[in-house]
């Protein structure tokens, strides 16, 4: 999404109506660009295929002795035409879906946010956000024999009322940061009280980290991950914990942790082991930013106790 330079009257009205404080920013979707991309890709793809297919279907083509070599010469044009048609179909689907659902607008206030299309999708304060599921997508492309990779983060945000919205790229990071800052104090109080805090396939308490023995989450990766040219994300729990059947890691044995954006996973390493203890798909760790903040606090507390 792209930021609007001057906020609209509707943005100020909605933010005031839902008592979200002063408006900070307004974002709008850019799905209309998909319509122009479809208009560009479709004729190009059809032109290439119209020029190439008659040659391939002609009876004289297979009768030639070097037809296999000629087919190899035409292969790049065939692939390029097919990819152009596929890209035009994808862009057209996104464009039609945008027309049907309406242009998405996201309004950020001091105390919360609103996502709206033809109607309000979700309006929630930061403390009313139940979970944020993030996934990192890597779009692979090749231009003039140079490989290019574009990183895009997808966010699925759910409120305590059960409403959801999807946001690609901005303002997803800003919402995630605001929600984490708002909910961290209460999460720290629950942690100090000895409660177990659950984050999908991962949970933590004062003893350490717990992995779900039977992951049964309704969350699924976004449909974009099924498209060609997008880096695949592991669908299952991986690591030595799976091989050894370990489901618990004490804080004193946790060596390091980080988000591997190249594979959209949360990685946990155990002291004294070369291989990673657990590799968890990032979309299976809801509110991953809050989870990492709690892990950092727990490790600091463990260091203070041992000092």
Protein backbone atom coordinates (compact mmCIF):
# COMPACT_ATOMS: atom_id res chain seq x y z
CA UNK A 1 0.00 0.00 0.00
CA UNK A 2 1.06 3.61 -0.46
CA UNK A 3 0.73 6.52 1.93
CA UNK A 4 -1.63 9.38 1.14
CA UNK A 5 0.12 12.74 1.37
CA UNK A 6 -2.92 14.62 2.66
CA UNK A 7 -5.36 12.72 4.87
CA UNK A 8 -8.98 12.80 3.78
CA UNK A 9 -11.98 14.08 5.71
CA UNK A 10 -13.30 10.52 5.93
CA UNK A 11 -10.10 9.38 7.63
CA UNK A 12 -10.35 12.05 10.29
CA UNK A 13 -14.06 11.33 10.77
CA UNK A 14 -13.61 7.57 11.22
CA UNK A 15 -10.62 7.88 13.55
CA UNK A 16 -12.56 10.36 15.66
CA UNK A 17 -15.72 8.23 15.58
CA UNK A 18 -13.90 5.16 16.91
CA UNK A 19 -11.98 7.29 19.47
CA UNK A 20 -8.52 6.36 18.19
CA UNK A 21 -6.90 9.69 18.98
CA UNK A 22 -5.32 11.95 16.40
CA UNK A 23 -4.80 10.51 12.93
CA UNK A 24 -1.19 9.66 12.10
CA UNK A 25 -1.37 8.43 8.49
CA UNK A 26 -3.67 7.19 5.75
CA UNK A 27 -2.82 4.43 3.27
CA UNK A 28 -4.54 3.32 0.09
CA UNK A 29 -4.28 0.19 -2.02
CA UNK A 30 -2.77 0.25 -5.49
CA UNK A 31 -4.87 -2.51 -7.07
CA UNK A 32 -5.76 -0.26 -10.03
CA UNK A 33 -2.18 -0.65 -11.25
CA UNK A 34 -2.93 -4.34 -11.72
CA UNK A 35 -5.46 -3.45 -14.41
CA UNK A 36 -2.82 -1.57 -16.39
CA UNK A 37 -0.35 -4.42 -15.95
CA UNK A 38 -2.95 -6.87 -17.29
CA UNK A 39 -3.50 -4.60 -20.31
CA UNK A 40 0.27 -4.59 -20.97
CA UNK A 41 1.04 -8.28 -20.42
CA UNK A 42 -1.97 -9.77 -22.24
CA UNK A 43 -1.26 -8.34 -25.75
CA UNK A 44 2.44 -9.12 -25.45
CA UNK A 45 1.80 -12.71 -24.46
CA UNK A 46 -0.80 -13.21 -27.20
CA UNK A 47 1.46 -11.64 -29.82
CA UNK A 48 4.35 -13.97 -29.00
CA UNK A 49 2.15 -17.08 -28.98
CA UNK A 50 0.38 -16.08 -32.20
CA UNK A 51 3.75 -15.79 -33.94
CA UNK A 52 5.24 -18.97 -32.47
CA UNK A 53 2.36 -21.48 -32.32
CA UNK A 54 1.62 -21.55 -36.08
CA UNK A 55 5.25 -22.48 -36.69
CA UNK A 56 5.10 -25.32 -34.16
CA UNK A 57 1.76 -26.65 -35.46
CA UNK A 58 2.70 -26.61 -39.12
CA UNK A 59 3.19 -30.15 -40.60
CA UNK A 60 6.51 -29.14 -42.19
CA UNK A 61 8.04 -28.27 -38.82
CA UNK A 62 8.33 -31.86 -37.52
CA UNK A 63 9.49 -33.13 -40.91
CA UNK A 64 12.66 -31.09 -40.73
CA UNK A 65 15.78 -32.89 -39.58
CA UNK A 66 16.80 -30.14 -37.17
CA UNK A 67 13.31 -29.57 -35.71
CA UNK A 68 14.52 -30.34 -32.18
CA UNK A 69 17.19 -27.63 -32.42
CA UNK A 70 14.65 -25.14 -33.78
CA UNK A 71 12.29 -26.00 -30.93
CA UNK A 72 15.06 -25.16 -28.50
CA UNK A 73 15.53 -21.81 -30.19
CA UNK A 74 11.79 -21.08 -29.87
CA UNK A 75 11.59 -22.24 -26.25
CA UNK A 76 12.47 -18.83 -24.70
CA UNK A 77 9.75 -17.15 -26.74
CA UNK A 78 7.20 -19.79 -25.71
CA UNK A 79 8.10 -19.48 -22.03
CA UNK A 80 8.08 -15.68 -22.20
CA UNK A 81 4.67 -15.65 -23.88
CA UNK A 82 3.19 -18.14 -21.42
CA UNK A 83 4.57 -16.18 -18.43
CA UNK A 84 3.14 -12.95 -19.84
CA UNK A 85 -0.28 -14.56 -20.18
CA UNK A 86 -0.07 -15.98 -16.66
CA UNK A 87 0.97 -12.57 -15.27
CA UNK A 88 -1.92 -10.88 -17.08
CA UNK A 89 -4.41 -13.41 -15.67
CA UNK A 90 -3.08 -12.91 -12.11
CA UNK A 91 -3.19 -9.12 -12.44
CA UNK A 92 -6.68 -9.31 -13.91
CA UNK A 93 -7.92 -11.47 -11.02
CA UNK A 94 -6.48 -9.02 -8.47
CA UNK A 95 -8.01 -6.10 -10.38
CA UNK A 96 -11.48 -7.70 -10.54
CA UNK A 97 -11.27 -8.65 -6.85
CA UNK A 98 -10.37 -5.04 -6.08
CA UNK A 99 -13.38 -3.80 -8.04
CA UNK A 100 -15.66 -6.26 -6.27
CA UNK A 101 -14.38 -5.69 -2.73
CA UNK A 102 -13.58 -2.01 -3.11
CA UNK A 103 -10.36 -0.08 -2.71
CA UNK A 104 -8.70 -0.78 0.64
CA UNK A 105 -7.92 2.14 2.90
CA UNK A 106 -6.04 1.90 6.20
CA UNK A 107 -6.18 4.73 8.73
CA UNK A 108 -3.65 4.84 11.57
CA UNK A 109 -4.54 6.65 14.75
CA UNK A 110 -2.61 7.15 17.95
CA UNK A 111 -4.61 4.45 19.78
CA UNK A 112 -5.50 2.02 16.97
CA UNK A 113 -6.22 1.54 13.28
CA UNK A 114 -9.07 1.05 10.81
CA UNK A 115 -9.13 -1.03 7.62
CA UNK A 116 -12.00 -0.23 5.27
CA UNK A 117 -13.19 -1.13 1.79
CA UNK A 118 -16.84 -0.64 0.87
CA UNK A 119 -17.45 -1.08 4.56
CA UNK A 120 -15.34 -1.23 7.70
CA UNK A 121 -13.33 -4.48 7.74
CA UNK A 122 -11.85 -3.95 11.19
CA UNK A 123 -11.56 -1.07 13.64
CA UNK A 124 -9.55 -1.85 16.75
CA UNK A 125 -7.39 -0.27 19.40
CA UNK A 126 -3.91 -1.67 19.79
CA UNK A 127 -4.90 -3.65 22.89
CA UNK A 128 -7.91 -5.12 21.02
CA UNK A 129 -5.76 -6.82 18.38
CA UNK A 130 -5.82 -10.54 19.12
CA UNK A 131 -2.99 -11.61 16.82
CA UNK A 132 -0.88 -10.60 13.85
CA UNK A 133 0.37 -13.32 11.54
CA UNK A 134 3.29 -12.26 9.39
CA UNK A 135 4.79 -13.99 6.40
CA UNK A 136 7.75 -12.92 4.30
CA UNK A 137 7.43 -13.52 0.56
CA UNK A 138 10.33 -13.42 -1.89
CA UNK A 139 9.32 -12.66 -5.46
CA UNK A 140 11.90 -14.12 -7.86
CA UNK A 141 12.42 -12.62 -11.30
CA UNK A 142 15.06 -12.41 -14.00
CA UNK A 143 15.79 -9.31 -16.09
CA UNK A 144 18.53 -9.26 -18.75
CA UNK A 145 20.08 -12.43 -17.29
CA UNK A 146 20.25 -10.81 -13.83
CA UNK A 147 18.34 -12.52 -11.03
CA UNK A 148 16.29 -10.16 -8.86
CA UNK A 149 14.54 -10.86 -5.56
CA UNK A 150 11.90 -8.60 -4.07
CA UNK A 151 10.92 -9.00 -0.41
CA UNK A 152 7.28 -8.41 0.55
CA UNK A 153 5.76 -8.94 4.02
CA UNK A 154 2.16 -10.06 4.33
CA UNK A 155 0.16 -9.42 7.52
CA UNK A 156 -3.14 -10.98 8.60
CA UNK A 157 -4.53 -9.04 11.56
CA UNK A 158 -7.34 -10.38 13.77
CA UNK A 159 -9.25 -8.51 16.46
CA UNK A 160 -10.76 -9.90 19.65
CA UNK A 161 -14.16 -9.54 17.94
CA UNK A 162 -13.11 -12.07 15.29
CA UNK A 163 -12.73 -9.58 12.44
CA UNK A 164 -9.77 -9.85 10.08
CA UNK A 165 -7.95 -7.89 7.42
CA UNK A 166 -4.94 -8.51 5.20
CA UNK A 167 -2.21 -5.95 4.59
CA UNK A 168 0.78 -6.26 2.29
CA UNK A 169 3.89 -4.27 3.14
CA UNK A 170 3.10 -0.86 4.67
CA UNK A 171 1.60 -0.05 7.11
CA UNK A 172 1.99 -3.60 8.46
CA UNK A 173 5.30 -2.96 10.31
CA UNK A 174 3.93 0.20 11.98
CA UNK A 175 0.82 -1.66 13.18
CA UNK A 176 2.89 -4.60 14.43
CA UNK A 177 5.22 -2.29 16.37
CA UNK A 178 2.35 -0.31 17.94
CA UNK A 179 0.52 -3.48 18.98
CA UNK A 180 3.70 -4.95 20.49
CA UNK A 181 4.43 -1.80 22.51
CA UNK A 182 0.84 -1.69 23.76
CA UNK A 183 0.52 -5.37 24.74
CA UNK A 184 4.03 -6.03 26.06
CA UNK A 185 3.48 -4.65 29.62
CA UNK A 186 0.49 -6.92 30.22
CA UNK A 187 2.31 -9.90 28.70
CA UNK A 188 5.25 -9.26 31.06
CA UNK A 189 2.87 -9.21 34.03
CA UNK A 190 1.39 -12.56 32.95
CA UNK A 191 4.88 -13.98 32.49
CA UNK A 192 5.95 -12.78 35.94
CA UNK A 193 2.82 -14.35 37.43
CA UNK A 194 3.91 -17.75 36.10
CA UNK A 195 1.35 -18.00 33.32
CA UNK A 196 2.03 -19.78 30.04
CA UNK A 197 1.84 -17.49 27.04
CA UNK A 198 0.84 -19.22 23.82
CA UNK A 199 1.97 -18.15 20.34
CA UNK A 200 0.57 -20.83 18.07
CA UNK A 201 3.08 -23.64 17.70
CA UNK A 202 5.31 -22.02 20.32
CA UNK A 203 4.59 -21.25 23.99
CA UNK A 204 6.75 -19.91 26.79
CA UNK A 205 6.74 -19.63 30.57
CA UNK A 206 9.30 -18.97 33.29
CA UNK A 207 10.89 -22.38 32.70
CA UNK A 208 11.51 -22.11 28.98
CA UNK A 209 10.05 -22.69 25.52
CA UNK A 210 7.45 -25.30 24.62
CA UNK A 211 6.68 -26.67 21.17
CA UNK A 212 3.24 -27.97 20.28
CA UNK A 213 3.33 -31.75 20.07
CA UNK A 214 0.44 -31.80 17.61
CA UNK A 215 0.36 -28.56 15.64
CA UNK A 216 -3.28 -27.97 14.74
CA UNK A 217 -3.62 -24.39 13.61
CA UNK A 218 -6.28 -23.02 11.28
CA UNK A 219 -3.74 -20.60 9.86
CA UNK A 220 -2.54 -21.21 6.34
CA UNK A 221 0.02 -19.39 4.24
CA UNK A 222 -1.35 -16.76 1.92
CA UNK A 223 -2.48 -17.83 -1.53
CA UNK A 224 0.39 -15.84 -3.04
CA UNK A 225 2.82 -18.54 -1.92
CA UNK A 226 1.26 -20.91 -4.46
CA UNK A 227 2.13 -18.67 -7.40
CA UNK A 228 5.23 -19.37 -9.54
CA UNK A 229 8.34 -17.35 -8.84
CA UNK A 230 7.73 -17.09 -5.08
CA UNK A 231 10.15 -18.66 -2.61
CA UNK A 232 8.59 -21.61 -0.82
CA UNK A 233 8.13 -21.60 2.95
CA UNK A 234 8.47 -24.85 4.95
CA UNK A 235 5.03 -26.15 5.86
CA UNK A 236 6.13 -28.31 8.80
CA UNK A 237 8.10 -27.99 12.00
CA UNK A 238 11.78 -28.79 11.38
CA UNK A 239 14.97 -29.13 13.39
CA UNK A 240 16.60 -31.55 15.82
CA UNK A 241 13.61 -31.22 18.15
CA UNK A 242 11.54 -33.16 15.63
CA UNK A 243 14.19 -35.86 15.18
CA UNK A 244 14.78 -36.30 18.92
CA UNK A 245 11.16 -35.80 19.95
CA UNK A 246 12.01 -32.84 22.21
CA UNK A 247 9.22 -30.37 22.96
CA UNK A 248 10.81 -28.29 25.73
CA UNK A 249 13.90 -26.07 25.80
CA UNK A 250 14.98 -24.43 29.08
CA UNK A 251 16.04 -20.81 28.93
CA UNK A 252 19.61 -21.64 29.96
CA UNK A 253 19.96 -23.94 26.91
CA UNK A 254 18.67 -21.42 24.36
CA UNK A 255 21.70 -20.19 22.41
CA UNK A 256 20.11 -17.74 19.97
CA UNK A 257 16.93 -17.00 18.09
CA UNK A 258 16.07 -14.98 14.98
CA UNK A 259 13.65 -14.64 12.08
CA UNK A 260 15.05 -16.08 8.87
CA UNK A 261 13.31 -13.82 6.35
CA UNK A 262 14.74 -15.75 3.39
CA UNK A 263 12.52 -18.71 4.38
CA UNK A 264 9.93 -16.90 6.52
CA UNK A 265 10.72 -18.97 9.60
CA UNK A 266 11.51 -18.49 13.29
CA UNK A 267 14.77 -20.27 14.14
CA UNK A 268 15.74 -21.45 17.64
CA UNK A 269 19.22 -22.80 18.37
CA UNK A 270 20.31 -24.91 21.32
CA UNK A 271 23.64 -24.53 23.10
CA UNK A 272 26.25 -27.07 22.08
CA UNK A 273 24.48 -28.11 18.86
CA UNK A 274 25.46 -27.22 15.30
CA UNK A 275 22.04 -27.85 13.82
CA UNK A 276 19.04 -25.70 14.72
CA UNK A 277 16.80 -27.01 17.47
CA UNK A 278 13.57 -25.78 15.87
CA UNK A 279 12.61 -24.12 12.57
CA UNK A 280 9.02 -22.92 12.78
CA UNK A 281 7.02 -21.40 9.89
CA UNK A 282 6.60 -17.74 10.80
CA UNK A 283 2.86 -17.67 10.03
CA UNK A 284 2.41 -20.37 12.69
CA UNK A 285 3.76 -18.00 15.36
CA UNK A 286 1.06 -15.32 15.77
CA UNK A 287 2.24 -11.98 17.17
CA UNK A 288 5.82 -13.04 16.50
CA UNK A 289 7.19 -9.58 17.37
CA UNK A 290 5.62 -9.78 20.83
CA UNK A 291 6.93 -13.34 21.22
CA UNK A 292 10.48 -12.25 20.42
CA UNK A 293 10.24 -9.35 22.86
CA UNK A 294 9.23 -11.79 25.62
CA UNK A 295 12.05 -14.18 24.72
CA UNK A 296 14.54 -11.32 24.94
CA UNK A 297 13.18 -10.32 28.36
CA UNK A 298 13.29 -13.93 29.63
CA UNK A 299 16.91 -14.36 28.54
CA UNK A 300 17.90 -11.08 30.18
CA UNK A 301 16.14 -12.16 33.38
CA UNK A 302 17.93 -15.51 33.28
CA UNK A 303 21.27 -13.71 32.96
CA UNK A 304 20.45 -11.43 35.87
CA UNK A 305 19.58 -14.41 38.07
CA UNK A 306 22.77 -16.31 37.23
CA UNK A 307 24.99 -13.24 37.69
